[in-house]
């Protein structure tokens, strides 16, 4: 599982400042979430997109993880 902290330490990672600008939140707020594994779902999805999937939203947001594990409504059995 990759957290923001492990992502930032990896080769080729965007900087905290660049990532914050890309997902339109303050650098301070992103820094607060740096070690967290319970992100707000909207930010988790934005970070997943901004990191091209390097950080999986399911691994940093319990709500996203639960939604992705839930069976699709109306799916054929």
Protein backbone atom coordinates (compact mmCIF):
# COMPACT_ATOMS: atom_id res chain seq x y z
CA UNK A 1 0.00 0.00 0.00
CA UNK A 2 1.40 3.34 -1.00
CA UNK A 3 0.68 6.37 1.14
CA UNK A 4 1.42 9.91 0.11
CA UNK A 5 4.57 9.76 2.21
CA UNK A 6 5.91 6.68 0.40
CA UNK A 7 4.92 8.17 -2.96
CA UNK A 8 6.81 11.39 -2.26
CA UNK A 9 9.92 9.38 -1.38
CA UNK A 10 9.81 7.41 -4.63
CA UNK A 11 11.86 8.22 -7.72
CA UNK A 12 10.06 10.43 -10.22
CA UNK A 13 7.33 11.49 -7.80
CA UNK A 14 5.76 14.91 -8.06
CA UNK A 15 6.60 17.29 -5.24
CA UNK A 16 4.14 18.00 -2.43
CA UNK A 17 3.76 21.54 -3.78
CA UNK A 18 3.08 20.40 -7.35
CA UNK A 19 0.65 17.72 -6.24
CA UNK A 20 -1.24 20.15 -4.01
CA UNK A 21 -1.57 22.60 -6.88
CA UNK A 22 -2.75 19.87 -9.25
CA UNK A 23 -5.53 18.69 -6.95
CA UNK A 24 -6.41 22.24 -5.88
CA UNK A 25 -5.80 22.07 -2.14
CA UNK A 26 -3.30 23.85 0.06
CA UNK A 27 0.13 22.39 0.62
CA UNK A 28 -0.62 22.50 4.37
CA UNK A 29 -3.75 20.36 3.99
CA UNK A 30 -1.93 17.85 1.82
CA UNK A 31 0.86 17.74 4.38
CA UNK A 32 -1.71 16.91 7.07
CA UNK A 33 -2.82 13.92 5.00
CA UNK A 34 0.73 12.78 4.25
CA UNK A 35 0.69 9.77 6.61
CA UNK A 36 -3.07 9.23 6.70
CA UNK A 37 -4.89 6.16 5.42
CA UNK A 38 -8.36 7.65 5.90
CA UNK A 39 -8.65 10.43 3.34
CA UNK A 40 -11.83 12.16 2.26
CA UNK A 41 -13.05 10.24 -0.81
CA UNK A 42 -12.94 13.21 -3.20
CA UNK A 43 -9.31 13.93 -2.38
CA UNK A 44 -8.35 10.26 -2.57
CA UNK A 45 -9.75 10.05 -6.10
CA UNK A 46 -7.98 13.27 -7.13
CA UNK A 47 -4.64 12.00 -5.79
CA UNK A 48 -5.11 8.67 -7.55
CA UNK A 49 -5.66 10.50 -10.82
CA UNK A 50 -2.83 13.01 -10.28
CA UNK A 51 -0.36 10.21 -9.52
CA UNK A 52 -1.53 8.08 -12.46
CA UNK A 53 -2.63 5.39 -10.04
CA UNK A 54 0.62 5.18 -8.09
CA UNK A 55 -1.47 5.97 -5.02
CA UNK A 56 -4.61 3.84 -5.14
CA UNK A 57 -7.63 5.70 -3.73
CA UNK A 58 -8.87 2.45 -2.17
CA UNK A 59 -5.74 2.20 -0.06
CA UNK A 60 -6.09 5.69 1.42
CA UNK A 61 -9.89 6.01 1.75
CA UNK A 62 -12.07 3.47 3.53
CA UNK A 63 -15.13 4.81 1.73
CA UNK A 64 -13.57 4.33 -1.72
CA UNK A 65 -12.39 0.84 -0.75
CA UNK A 66 -15.88 -0.13 0.41
CA UNK A 67 -17.51 1.31 -2.72
CA UNK A 68 -15.14 -0.56 -5.01
CA UNK A 69 -15.72 -3.83 -3.15
CA UNK A 70 -19.51 -3.53 -3.18
CA UNK A 71 -21.29 -5.52 -5.90
CA UNK A 72 -22.61 -3.35 -8.70
CA UNK A 73 -26.31 -2.51 -8.42
CA UNK A 74 -28.37 -4.32 -11.02
CA UNK A 75 -25.51 -6.56 -12.11
CA UNK A 76 -26.56 -9.80 -13.76
CA UNK A 77 -26.12 -12.80 -11.53
